[in-house]
């Protein structure tokens, strides 16, 4: 990406790096901003003199009255290093390898009980409101202000508890793990496939629906709850819809108030560059620091499993 001058600066721009996307910032605007900062950094460097190459040009013999032609050695600039030629880093091919590896991502997903919207977001158009009950520890406080029958109703078997939520999450994880095995086309009766399952290396052979490999509740304080979700092939809308479906399973409603990605394959939050570091030198350092880990993880994830065709090496 960007001009091929200076050559040394561009040589360190082949690879992958992670950035932190502030809430509300569109990914396309983020990408355009990073590209602009890289171009500014590259163009700020002193352009090297174009590399010269020797070419033999055909021309008339000097001082000769005859129309004889001769070859003359001439030095001309090499177009490969010309400042007007653009280059593209081979890091783009690593993105393809990263996609083919079907790596998992981690999210924290915050939910809000008691309402449903048309897009599963907290600020969407409200379509339904419902009760969700209260934890048992608050019954005395409510008894002061609420009629006894209301307190008893909220403490009935229909109110939402942490135990019910945990049971639903366990069912979701179990069903998705079965789907993962199905899409991987592996026979878990073989020892090699079993070893892959133990190491968490089972991956779908092709594109699949969203697959959840792990889900648990990190915090529960109705009406709010916080989930940790490990998944692959997901979209933001599917994660929001997951909160909605969990609310339905709890015999109430729920909307998603926040989705935050905390890991993307081999990149974590510690690797993500803040907006103040979207500059040439910081990105170069990030690419160099991540390169060994990227190569190792892709080699492990793209290693063919039992009965699978060999994958291209990163």
C-alpha atoms as a PDB file:
ATOM      1  CA  UNK A   1       0.000   0.000   0.000  1.00  0.00           C
ATOM      2  CA  UNK A   2       1.264   3.451  -0.826  1.00  0.00           C
ATOM      3  CA  UNK A   3       4.207   4.826  -2.786  1.00  0.00           C
ATOM      4  CA  UNK A   4       7.333   2.679  -3.067  1.00  0.00           C
ATOM      5  CA  UNK A   5       9.498   5.411  -1.593  1.00  0.00           C
ATOM      6  CA  UNK A   6      11.401   5.172   0.605  1.00  0.00           C
ATOM      7  CA  UNK A   7      12.063   1.505  -0.101  1.00  0.00           C
ATOM      8  CA  UNK A   8      13.177   0.651   3.457  1.00  0.00           C
ATOM      9  CA  UNK A   9       9.971   2.048   4.964  1.00  0.00           C
ATOM     10  CA  UNK A  10       7.802  -0.014   2.650  1.00  0.00           C
ATOM     11  CA  UNK A  11       9.838  -3.162   3.212  1.00  0.00           C
ATOM     12  CA  UNK A  12       8.579  -3.180   6.835  1.00  0.00           C
ATOM     13  CA  UNK A  13       4.944  -2.740   5.811  1.00  0.00           C
ATOM     14  CA  UNK A  14       4.357  -6.334   4.685  1.00  0.00           C
ATOM     15  CA  UNK A  15       2.248  -8.108   7.293  1.00  0.00           C
ATOM     16  CA  UNK A  16      -0.671  -7.888   9.686  1.00  0.00           C
ATOM     17  CA  UNK A  17      -1.381  -5.600  12.626  1.00  0.00           C
ATOM     18  CA  UNK A  18      -4.342  -4.820  14.871  1.00  0.00           C
ATOM     19  CA  UNK A  19      -5.921  -1.476  15.726  1.00  0.00           C
ATOM     20  CA  UNK A  20      -8.452  -0.445  18.339  1.00  0.00           C
ATOM     21  CA  UNK A  21     -11.703   0.776  16.778  1.00  0.00           C
ATOM     22  CA  UNK A  22     -13.402   3.401  18.965  1.00  0.00           C
ATOM     23  CA  UNK A  23     -17.150   2.863  19.481  1.00  0.00           C
ATOM     24  CA  UNK A  24     -19.252   4.482  16.776  1.00  0.00           C
ATOM     25  CA  UNK A  25     -16.399   4.733  14.253  1.00  0.00           C
ATOM     26  CA  UNK A  26     -17.176   3.054  10.922  1.00  0.00           C
ATOM     27  CA  UNK A  27     -14.620   0.438   9.868  1.00  0.00           C
ATOM     28  CA  UNK A  28     -14.236   2.023   6.415  1.00  0.00           C
ATOM     29  CA  UNK A  29     -13.409   5.401   7.968  1.00  0.00           C
ATOM     30  CA  UNK A  30     -10.878   3.654  10.215  1.00  0.00           C
ATOM     31  CA  UNK A  31      -9.226   1.946   7.257  1.00  0.00           C
ATOM     32  CA  UNK A  32      -9.098   5.173   5.226  1.00  0.00           C
ATOM     33  CA  UNK A  33      -7.573   7.029   8.182  1.00  0.00           C
ATOM     34  CA  UNK A  34      -4.847   4.417   8.651  1.00  0.00           C
ATOM     35  CA  UNK A  35      -4.071   4.459   4.909  1.00  0.00           C
ATOM     36  CA  UNK A  36      -3.768   8.249   4.957  1.00  0.00           C
ATOM     37  CA  UNK A  37      -1.420   8.170   7.957  1.00  0.00           C
ATOM     38  CA  UNK A  38       0.767   5.557   6.278  1.00  0.00           C
ATOM     39  CA  UNK A  39       0.958   7.546   3.058  1.00  0.00           C
ATOM     40  CA  UNK A  40       1.889  10.676   4.999  1.00  0.00           C
ATOM     41  CA  UNK A  41       4.624   8.779   6.820  1.00  0.00           C
ATOM     42  CA  UNK A  42       6.051   7.243   3.657  1.00  0.00           C
ATOM     43  CA  UNK A  43       5.953  10.504   1.688  1.00  0.00           C
ATOM     44  CA  UNK A  44       7.586  12.394   4.544  1.00  0.00           C
ATOM     45  CA  UNK A  45      10.778  10.394   4.054  1.00  0.00           C
ATOM     46  CA  UNK A  46      13.508  11.522   1.671  1.00  0.00           C
ATOM     47  CA  UNK A  47      13.030   9.875  -1.694  1.00  0.00           C
ATOM     48  CA  UNK A  48      16.086   7.875  -2.826  1.00  0.00           C
ATOM     49  CA  UNK A  49      17.517   8.478  -6.231  1.00  0.00           C
ATOM     50  CA  UNK A  50      15.975   6.076  -8.762  1.00  0.00           C
ATOM     51  CA  UNK A  51      18.099   3.034  -9.432  1.00  0.00           C
ATOM     52  CA  UNK A  52      19.929   3.251 -12.757  1.00  0.00           C
ATOM     53  CA  UNK A  53      20.168   0.452 -15.289  1.00  0.00           C
ATOM     54  CA  UNK A  54      22.265   0.145 -18.439  1.00  0.00           C
ATOM     55  CA  UNK A  55      20.373  -0.231 -21.711  1.00  0.00           C
ATOM     56  CA  UNK A  56      21.728  -0.408 -25.244  1.00  0.00           C
ATOM     57  CA  UNK A  57      19.910   2.016 -27.500  1.00  0.00           C
ATOM     58  CA  UNK A  58      19.988   1.876 -31.288  1.00  0.00           C
ATOM     59  CA  UNK A  59      21.069   5.121 -32.984  1.00  0.00           C
ATOM     60  CA  UNK A  60      23.115   6.643 -35.848  1.00  0.00           C
ATOM     61  CA  UNK A  61      26.906   6.491 -35.653  1.00  0.00           C
ATOM     62  CA  UNK A  62      28.261   9.819 -34.360  1.00  0.00           C
ATOM     63  CA  UNK A  63      30.313  11.775 -36.932  1.00  0.00           C
ATOM     64  CA  UNK A  64      29.389   9.441 -39.757  1.00  0.00           C
ATOM     65  CA  UNK A  65      27.841  10.805 -42.951  1.00  0.00           C
ATOM     66  CA  UNK A  66      26.445   7.402 -43.784  1.00  0.00           C
ATOM     67  CA  UNK A  67      23.167   6.189 -42.321  1.00  0.00           C
ATOM     68  CA  UNK A  68      24.859   3.438 -40.358  1.00  0.00           C
ATOM     69  CA  UNK A  69      23.335   2.498 -36.993  1.00  0.00           C
ATOM     70  CA  UNK A  70      25.115   1.408 -33.845  1.00  0.00           C
ATOM     71  CA  UNK A  71      24.254   0.353 -30.264  1.00  0.00           C
ATOM     72  CA  UNK A  72      25.129   2.859 -27.551  1.00  0.00           C
ATOM     73  CA  UNK A  73      25.255   2.025 -23.840  1.00  0.00           C
ATOM     74  CA  UNK A  74      22.984   4.427 -21.910  1.00  0.00           C
ATOM     75  CA  UNK A  75      22.019   4.722 -18.231  1.00  0.00           C
ATOM     76  CA  UNK A  76      18.253   4.947 -17.626  1.00  0.00           C
ATOM     77  CA  UNK A  77      16.153   4.899 -14.385  1.00  0.00           C
ATOM     78  CA  UNK A  78      14.629   1.553 -13.395  1.00  0.00           C
ATOM     79  CA  UNK A  79      10.834   1.827 -13.457  1.00  0.00           C
ATOM     80  CA  UNK A  80      10.487  -0.619 -10.551  1.00  0.00           C
ATOM     81  CA  UNK A  81      11.891   2.011  -8.185  1.00  0.00           C
ATOM     82  CA  UNK A  82      10.371   5.033  -9.862  1.00  0.00           C
ATOM     83  CA  UNK A  83       8.527   7.284  -7.341  1.00  0.00           C
ATOM     84  CA  UNK A  84       5.371   7.285  -9.456  1.00  0.00           C
ATOM     85  CA  UNK A  85       4.931   3.479  -9.266  1.00  0.00           C
ATOM     86  CA  UNK A  86       2.680   2.106  -6.496  1.00  0.00           C
ATOM     87  CA  UNK A  87       3.226  -1.160  -4.651  1.00  0.00           C
ATOM     88  CA  UNK A  88       1.016  -3.478  -2.595  1.00  0.00           C
ATOM     89  CA  UNK A  89       2.233  -5.351   0.479  1.00  0.00           C
ATOM     90  CA  UNK A  90       1.937  -9.130   0.605  1.00  0.00           C
ATOM     91  CA  UNK A  91       0.195  -8.804   3.987  1.00  0.00           C
ATOM     92  CA  UNK A  92      -3.094  -8.936   2.069  1.00  0.00           C
ATOM     93  CA  UNK A  93      -2.428 -12.595   1.257  1.00  0.00           C
ATOM     94  CA  UNK A  94      -2.039 -13.287   4.982  1.00  0.00           C
ATOM     95  CA  UNK A  95      -5.595 -12.057   5.485  1.00  0.00           C
ATOM     96  CA  UNK A  96      -6.741 -14.800   3.114  1.00  0.00           C
ATOM     97  CA  UNK A  97      -4.782 -17.367   5.120  1.00  0.00           C
ATOM     98  CA  UNK A  98      -6.285 -15.967   8.312  1.00  0.00           C
ATOM     99  CA  UNK A  99      -9.782 -16.378   6.861  1.00  0.00           C
ATOM    100  CA  UNK A 100      -9.066 -19.928   5.665  1.00  0.00           C
ATOM    101  CA  UNK A 101      -7.779 -20.871   9.119  1.00  0.00           C
ATOM    102  CA  UNK A 102     -11.271 -20.243  10.593  1.00  0.00           C
ATOM    103  CA  UNK A 103      -9.808 -18.710  13.747  1.00  0.00           C
ATOM    104  CA  UNK A 104     -12.064 -17.918  16.679  1.00  0.00           C
ATOM    105  CA  UNK A 105     -12.807 -14.472  18.100  1.00  0.00           C
ATOM    106  CA  UNK A 106     -13.671 -13.432  21.652  1.00  0.00           C
ATOM    107  CA  UNK A 107     -16.385 -10.919  22.520  1.00  0.00           C
ATOM    108  CA  UNK A 108     -17.930  -9.420  25.602  1.00  0.00           C
ATOM    109  CA  UNK A 109     -21.648  -8.950  24.948  1.00  0.00           C
ATOM    110  CA  UNK A 110     -23.787  -6.878  27.303  1.00  0.00           C
ATOM    111  CA  UNK A 111     -27.513  -7.567  27.526  1.00  0.00           C
ATOM    112  CA  UNK A 112     -30.466  -5.735  29.064  1.00  0.00           C
ATOM    113  CA  UNK A 113     -33.556  -7.618  30.215  1.00  0.00           C
ATOM    114  CA  UNK A 114     -37.136  -6.384  29.932  1.00  0.00           C
ATOM    115  CA  UNK A 115     -37.586  -5.130  26.373  1.00  0.00           C
ATOM    116  CA  UNK A 116     -37.303  -6.096  22.725  1.00  0.00           C
ATOM    117  CA  UNK A 117     -36.485  -3.915  19.700  1.00  0.00           C
ATOM    118  CA  UNK A 118     -36.679  -4.362  15.943  1.00  0.00           C
ATOM    119  CA  UNK A 119     -32.891  -4.630  15.483  1.00  0.00           C
ATOM    120  CA  UNK A 120     -32.008  -6.277  18.852  1.00  0.00           C
ATOM    121  CA  UNK A 121     -30.145  -3.085  19.899  1.00  0.00           C
ATOM    122  CA  UNK A 122     -30.922  -1.082  23.007  1.00  0.00           C
ATOM    123  CA  UNK A 123     -31.542   2.078  20.955  1.00  0.00           C
ATOM    124  CA  UNK A 124     -33.699   0.323  18.327  1.00  0.00           C
ATOM    125  CA  UNK A 125     -37.458   0.773  17.860  1.00  0.00           C
ATOM    126  CA  UNK A 126     -39.232  -0.687  20.884  1.00  0.00           C
ATOM    127  CA  UNK A 127     -41.599  -3.541  20.007  1.00  0.00           C
ATOM    128  CA  UNK A 128     -42.225  -5.144  23.406  1.00  0.00           C
ATOM    129  CA  UNK A 129     -41.694  -4.659  27.126  1.00  0.00           C
ATOM    130  CA  UNK A 130     -41.851  -7.440  29.698  1.00  0.00           C
ATOM    131  CA  UNK A 131     -41.104  -8.256  33.314  1.00  0.00           C
ATOM    132  CA  UNK A 132     -38.083 -10.285  34.269  1.00  0.00           C
ATOM    133  CA  UNK A 133     -38.438 -10.669  38.035  1.00  0.00           C
ATOM    134  CA  UNK A 134     -35.824  -9.901  40.684  1.00  0.00           C
ATOM    135  CA  UNK A 135     -33.213 -11.851  42.620  1.00  0.00           C
ATOM    136  CA  UNK A 136     -34.463 -13.332  45.897  1.00  0.00           C
ATOM    137  CA  UNK A 137     -32.172 -11.156  47.989  1.00  0.00           C
ATOM    138  CA  UNK A 138     -34.304  -8.072  47.144  1.00  0.00           C
ATOM    139  CA  UNK A 139     -37.645  -9.491  48.297  1.00  0.00           C
ATOM    140  CA  UNK A 140     -37.765  -7.686  51.660  1.00  0.00           C
ATOM    141  CA  UNK A 141     -37.025  -4.333  50.054  1.00  0.00           C
ATOM    142  CA  UNK A 142     -39.763  -4.815  47.481  1.00  0.00           C
ATOM    143  CA  UNK A 143     -42.232  -5.995  50.117  1.00  0.00           C
ATOM    144  CA  UNK A 144     -42.195  -2.532  51.647  1.00  0.00           C
ATOM    145  CA  UNK A 145     -43.412  -0.891  48.471  1.00  0.00           C
ATOM    146  CA  UNK A 146     -45.154  -3.687  46.540  1.00  0.00           C
ATOM    147  CA  UNK A 147     -48.312  -5.661  47.427  1.00  0.00           C
ATOM    148  CA  UNK A 148     -47.509  -9.119  48.711  1.00  0.00           C
ATOM    149  CA  UNK A 149     -49.064 -10.842  45.698  1.00  0.00           C
ATOM    150  CA  UNK A 150     -46.734  -8.929  43.361  1.00  0.00           C
ATOM    151  CA  UNK A 151     -43.703  -9.967  45.391  1.00  0.00           C
ATOM    152  CA  UNK A 152     -44.804 -13.597  45.339  1.00  0.00           C
ATOM    153  CA  UNK A 153     -45.373 -13.421  41.588  1.00  0.00           C
ATOM    154  CA  UNK A 154     -41.902 -12.023  40.961  1.00  0.00           C
ATOM    155  CA  UNK A 155     -40.354 -14.702  43.169  1.00  0.00           C
ATOM    156  CA  UNK A 156     -42.194 -17.496  41.353  1.00  0.00           C
ATOM    157  CA  UNK A 157     -40.517 -20.001  39.077  1.00  0.00           C
ATOM    158  CA  UNK A 158     -40.797 -17.606  36.114  1.00  0.00           C
ATOM    159  CA  UNK A 159     -38.358 -14.958  37.276  1.00  0.00           C
ATOM    160  CA  UNK A 160     -34.851 -14.818  35.803  1.00  0.00           C
ATOM    161  CA  UNK A 161     -31.983 -16.202  37.870  1.00  0.00           C
ATOM    162  CA  UNK A 162     -28.275 -16.715  37.287  1.00  0.00           C
ATOM    163  CA  UNK A 163     -28.794 -20.476  37.489  1.00  0.00           C
ATOM    164  CA  UNK A 164     -31.356 -20.440  34.674  1.00  0.00           C
ATOM    165  CA  UNK A 165     -29.117 -18.284  32.527  1.00  0.00           C
ATOM    166  CA  UNK A 166     -26.135 -20.606  33.075  1.00  0.00           C
ATOM    167  CA  UNK A 167     -28.216 -23.648  32.089  1.00  0.00           C
ATOM    168  CA  UNK A 168     -29.332 -21.961  28.855  1.00  0.00           C
ATOM    169  CA  UNK A 169     -25.754 -20.985  28.009  1.00  0.00           C
ATOM    170  CA  UNK A 170     -24.612 -24.573  28.562  1.00  0.00           C
ATOM    171  CA  UNK A 171     -27.282 -25.837  26.156  1.00  0.00           C
ATOM    172  CA  UNK A 172     -26.262 -23.239  23.542  1.00  0.00           C
ATOM    173  CA  UNK A 173     -22.589 -24.196  23.800  1.00  0.00           C
ATOM    174  CA  UNK A 174     -23.346 -27.913  23.572  1.00  0.00           C
ATOM    175  CA  UNK A 175     -25.517 -27.562  20.464  1.00  0.00           C
ATOM    176  CA  UNK A 176     -22.935 -25.388  18.698  1.00  0.00           C
ATOM    177  CA  UNK A 177     -20.113 -27.813  19.514  1.00  0.00           C
ATOM    178  CA  UNK A 178     -22.099 -30.612  17.878  1.00  0.00           C
ATOM    179  CA  UNK A 179     -22.615 -28.383  14.835  1.00  0.00           C
ATOM    180  CA  UNK A 180     -18.868 -27.647  14.730  1.00  0.00           C
ATOM    181  CA  UNK A 181     -18.067 -31.351  14.525  1.00  0.00           C
ATOM    182  CA  UNK A 182     -20.659 -31.756  11.772  1.00  0.00           C
ATOM    183  CA  UNK A 183     -19.232 -28.912   9.667  1.00  0.00           C
ATOM    184  CA  UNK A 184     -15.654 -30.142  10.206  1.00  0.00           C
ATOM    185  CA  UNK A 185     -16.441 -33.487   8.506  1.00  0.00           C
ATOM    186  CA  UNK A 186     -14.299 -35.283  11.112  1.00  0.00           C
ATOM    187  CA  UNK A 187     -14.861 -38.699  12.623  1.00  0.00           C
ATOM    188  CA  UNK A 188     -14.160 -38.281  16.333  1.00  0.00           C
ATOM    189  CA  UNK A 189     -13.765 -42.050  16.622  1.00  0.00           C
ATOM    190  CA  UNK A 190     -10.239 -41.661  15.194  1.00  0.00           C
ATOM    191  CA  UNK A 191      -7.365 -40.844  17.543  1.00  0.00           C
ATOM    192  CA  UNK A 192      -6.033 -38.000  15.396  1.00  0.00           C
ATOM    193  CA  UNK A 193      -9.434 -36.269  15.287  1.00  0.00           C
ATOM    194  CA  UNK A 194      -9.804 -36.728  19.038  1.00  0.00           C
ATOM    195  CA  UNK A 195      -6.392 -35.128  19.619  1.00  0.00           C
ATOM    196  CA  UNK A 196      -7.450 -32.159  17.461  1.00  0.00           C
ATOM    197  CA  UNK A 197     -10.609 -31.768  19.517  1.00  0.00           C
ATOM    198  CA  UNK A 198      -8.606 -31.785  22.768  1.00  0.00           C
ATOM    199  CA  UNK A 199      -6.287 -29.071  21.420  1.00  0.00           C
ATOM    200  CA  UNK A 200      -9.222 -27.011  20.160  1.00  0.00           C
ATOM    201  CA  UNK A 201      -8.138 -27.280  16.525  1.00  0.00           C
ATOM    202  CA  UNK A 202     -11.406 -28.534  15.051  1.00  0.00           C
ATOM    203  CA  UNK A 203     -12.472 -26.107  12.340  1.00  0.00           C
ATOM    204  CA  UNK A 204     -15.230 -26.179   9.698  1.00  0.00           C
ATOM    205  CA  UNK A 205     -14.036 -27.281   6.274  1.00  0.00           C
ATOM    206  CA  UNK A 206     -15.972 -24.540   4.498  1.00  0.00           C
ATOM    207  CA  UNK A 207     -18.159 -21.547   5.260  1.00  0.00           C
ATOM    208  CA  UNK A 208     -20.670 -22.235   8.015  1.00  0.00           C
ATOM    209  CA  UNK A 209     -23.226 -20.351  10.123  1.00  0.00           C
ATOM    210  CA  UNK A 210     -22.048 -18.693  13.322  1.00  0.00           C
ATOM    211  CA  UNK A 211     -20.486 -21.331  15.564  1.00  0.00           C
ATOM    212  CA  UNK A 212     -20.029 -20.733  19.292  1.00  0.00           C
ATOM    213  CA  UNK A 213     -17.152 -22.669  20.855  1.00  0.00           C
ATOM    214  CA  UNK A 214     -17.543 -21.156  24.307  1.00  0.00           C
ATOM    215  CA  UNK A 215     -20.035 -18.932  26.152  1.00  0.00           C
ATOM    216  CA  UNK A 216     -20.346 -17.984  29.821  1.00  0.00           C
ATOM    217  CA  UNK A 217     -21.830 -15.288  32.029  1.00  0.00           C
ATOM    218  CA  UNK A 218     -19.287 -12.882  33.505  1.00  0.00           C
ATOM    219  CA  UNK A 219     -21.704 -10.662  35.425  1.00  0.00           C
ATOM    220  CA  UNK A 220     -25.371 -10.911  36.374  1.00  0.00           C
ATOM    221  CA  UNK A 221     -27.222  -7.992  37.996  1.00  0.00           C
ATOM    222  CA  UNK A 222     -30.727  -7.719  36.502  1.00  0.00           C
ATOM    223  CA  UNK A 223     -31.682  -6.049  34.315  1.00  0.00           C
ATOM    224  CA  UNK A 224     -28.068  -6.187  33.071  1.00  0.00           C
ATOM    225  CA  UNK A 225     -25.905  -9.197  32.323  1.00  0.00           C
ATOM    226  CA  UNK A 226     -22.535  -9.605  30.628  1.00  0.00           C
ATOM    227  CA  UNK A 227     -21.533 -12.570  28.479  1.00  0.00           C
ATOM    228  CA  UNK A 228     -18.188 -13.758  27.175  1.00  0.00           C
ATOM    229  CA  UNK A 229     -18.571 -15.401  23.765  1.00  0.00           C
ATOM    230  CA  UNK A 230     -15.941 -17.287  21.750  1.00  0.00           C
ATOM    231  CA  UNK A 231     -17.109 -17.905  18.203  1.00  0.00           C
ATOM    232  CA  UNK A 232     -16.316 -17.965  14.500  1.00  0.00           C
ATOM    233  CA  UNK A 233     -18.079 -16.880  11.295  1.00  0.00           C
ATOM    234  CA  UNK A 234     -20.170 -14.419  13.300  1.00  0.00           C
ATOM    235  CA  UNK A 235     -21.647 -11.026  12.473  1.00  0.00           C
ATOM    236  CA  UNK A 236     -22.516  -8.211  14.827  1.00  0.00           C
ATOM    237  CA  UNK A 237     -26.208  -8.705  14.133  1.00  0.00           C
ATOM    238  CA  UNK A 238     -26.003 -12.409  14.942  1.00  0.00           C
ATOM    239  CA  UNK A 239     -24.419 -11.639  18.311  1.00  0.00           C
ATOM    240  CA  UNK A 240     -27.157  -9.128  19.085  1.00  0.00           C
ATOM    241  CA  UNK A 241     -29.784 -11.645  18.030  1.00  0.00           C
ATOM    242  CA  UNK A 242     -28.180 -14.179  20.367  1.00  0.00           C
ATOM    243  CA  UNK A 243     -29.022 -11.908  23.312  1.00  0.00           C
ATOM    244  CA  UNK A 244     -32.603 -11.642  22.042  1.00  0.00           C
ATOM    245  CA  UNK A 245     -32.925 -15.432  21.814  1.00  0.00           C
ATOM    246  CA  UNK A 246     -31.479 -15.887  25.301  1.00  0.00           C
ATOM    247  CA  UNK A 247     -34.153 -13.516  26.595  1.00  0.00           C
ATOM    248  CA  UNK A 248     -36.860 -15.614  24.954  1.00  0.00           C
ATOM    249  CA  UNK A 249     -35.453 -18.788  26.513  1.00  0.00           C
ATOM    250  CA  UNK A 250     -35.628 -17.042  29.903  1.00  0.00           C
ATOM    251  CA  UNK A 251     -39.364 -16.423  29.290  1.00  0.00           C
ATOM    252  CA  UNK A 252     -38.792 -12.676  28.967  1.00  0.00           C
ATOM    253  CA  UNK A 253     -37.163 -10.286  26.484  1.00  0.00           C
ATOM    254  CA  UNK A 254     -33.665  -8.857  26.157  1.00  0.00           C
ATOM    255  CA  UNK A 255     -31.735  -6.444  23.967  1.00  0.00           C
ATOM    256  CA  UNK A 256     -28.034  -6.027  23.327  1.00  0.00           C
ATOM    257  CA  UNK A 257     -26.497  -2.841  24.700  1.00  0.00           C
ATOM    258  CA  UNK A 258     -22.832  -3.458  23.776  1.00  0.00           C
ATOM    259  CA  UNK A 259     -20.658  -5.769  21.678  1.00  0.00           C
ATOM    260  CA  UNK A 260     -16.897  -5.537  22.189  1.00  0.00           C
ATOM    261  CA  UNK A 261     -14.320  -7.716  20.447  1.00  0.00           C
ATOM    262  CA  UNK A 262     -11.453  -8.601  22.787  1.00  0.00           C
ATOM    263  CA  UNK A 263      -9.546 -11.073  20.582  1.00  0.00           C
ATOM    264  CA  UNK A 264      -9.380 -11.682  16.840  1.00  0.00           C
ATOM    265  CA  UNK A 265      -7.515 -14.888  16.079  1.00  0.00           C
ATOM    266  CA  UNK A 266      -3.960 -14.309  17.285  1.00  0.00           C
ATOM    267  CA  UNK A 267      -4.504 -10.584  18.025  1.00  0.00           C
ATOM    268  CA  UNK A 268      -5.630  -9.406  21.473  1.00  0.00           C
ATOM    269  CA  UNK A 269      -6.440  -6.001  22.930  1.00  0.00           C
ATOM    270  CA  UNK A 270      -2.792  -5.641  23.940  1.00  0.00           C
ATOM    271  CA  UNK A 271      -1.847  -5.758  20.232  1.00  0.00           C
ATOM    272  CA  UNK A 272      -4.409  -3.149  19.127  1.00  0.00           C
ATOM    273  CA  UNK A 273      -2.965   0.253  18.265  1.00  0.00           C
ATOM    274  CA  UNK A 274      -4.820   3.215  19.746  1.00  0.00           C
ATOM    275  CA  UNK A 275      -5.780   6.071  17.470  1.00  0.00           C
ATOM    276  CA  UNK A 276      -2.794   8.124  18.651  1.00  0.00           C
ATOM    277  CA  UNK A 277      -0.485   5.418  17.266  1.00  0.00           C
ATOM    278  CA  UNK A 278      -1.904   5.085  13.747  1.00  0.00           C
ATOM    279  CA  UNK A 279       1.371   6.285  12.229  1.00  0.00           C
ATOM    280  CA  UNK A 280       4.030   4.763  10.007  1.00  0.00           C
ATOM    281  CA  UNK A 281       6.611   3.840  12.647  1.00  0.00           C
ATOM    282  CA  UNK A 282       4.113   2.426  15.162  1.00  0.00           C
ATOM    283  CA  UNK A 283       2.495   0.286  12.462  1.00  0.00           C
ATOM    284  CA  UNK A 284       5.896  -0.926  11.245  1.00  0.00           C
ATOM    285  CA  UNK A 285       6.840  -1.948  14.799  1.00  0.00           C
ATOM    286  CA  UNK A 286       3.479  -3.675  15.305  1.00  0.00           C
ATOM    287  CA  UNK A 287       3.879  -5.678  12.081  1.00  0.00           C
ATOM    288  CA  UNK A 288       7.393  -6.784  13.018  1.00  0.00           C
ATOM    289  CA  UNK A 289       6.359  -7.743  16.556  1.00  0.00           C
ATOM    290  CA  UNK A 290       3.391  -9.804  15.367  1.00  0.00           C
ATOM    291  CA  UNK A 291       5.099 -11.495  12.386  1.00  0.00           C
ATOM    292  CA  UNK A 292       6.565 -14.551  14.230  1.00  0.00           C
ATOM    293  CA  UNK A 293       3.307 -15.223  16.083  1.00  0.00           C
ATOM    294  CA  UNK A 294       1.230 -14.798  12.904  1.00  0.00           C
ATOM    295  CA  UNK A 295       3.422 -17.276  11.010  1.00  0.00           C
ATOM    296  CA  UNK A 296       3.370 -19.833  13.843  1.00  0.00           C
ATOM    297  CA  UNK A 297      -0.385 -19.653  14.431  1.00  0.00           C
ATOM    298  CA  UNK A 298      -1.249 -19.830  10.736  1.00  0.00           C
ATOM    299  CA  UNK A 299       1.055 -22.802  10.242  1.00  0.00           C
ATOM    300  CA  UNK A 300      -0.623 -24.620  13.144  1.00  0.00           C
ATOM    301  CA  UNK A 301      -4.170 -23.752  12.100  1.00  0.00           C
ATOM    302  CA  UNK A 302      -3.663 -24.443   8.389  1.00  0.00           C
ATOM    303  CA  UNK A 303      -1.941 -27.785   8.998  1.00  0.00           C
ATOM    304  CA  UNK A 304      -4.180 -30.377   7.304  1.00  0.00           C
ATOM    305  CA  UNK A 305      -6.208 -32.584   9.611  1.00  0.00           C
ATOM    306  CA  UNK A 306      -7.100 -36.245   9.113  1.00  0.00           C
ATOM    307  CA  UNK A 307      -8.555 -36.761   5.666  1.00  0.00           C
ATOM    308  CA  UNK A 308      -8.263 -33.060   4.776  1.00  0.00           C
ATOM    309  CA  UNK A 309      -6.450 -31.724   1.704  1.00  0.00           C
ATOM    310  CA  UNK A 310      -3.175 -29.923   2.293  1.00  0.00           C
ATOM    311  CA  UNK A 311      -3.595 -26.185   2.873  1.00  0.00           C
ATOM    312  CA  UNK A 312      -1.270 -23.553   1.386  1.00  0.00           C
ATOM    313  CA  UNK A 313       1.529 -22.500   3.690  1.00  0.00           C
ATOM    314  CA  UNK A 314       1.419 -18.888   4.976  1.00  0.00           C
END
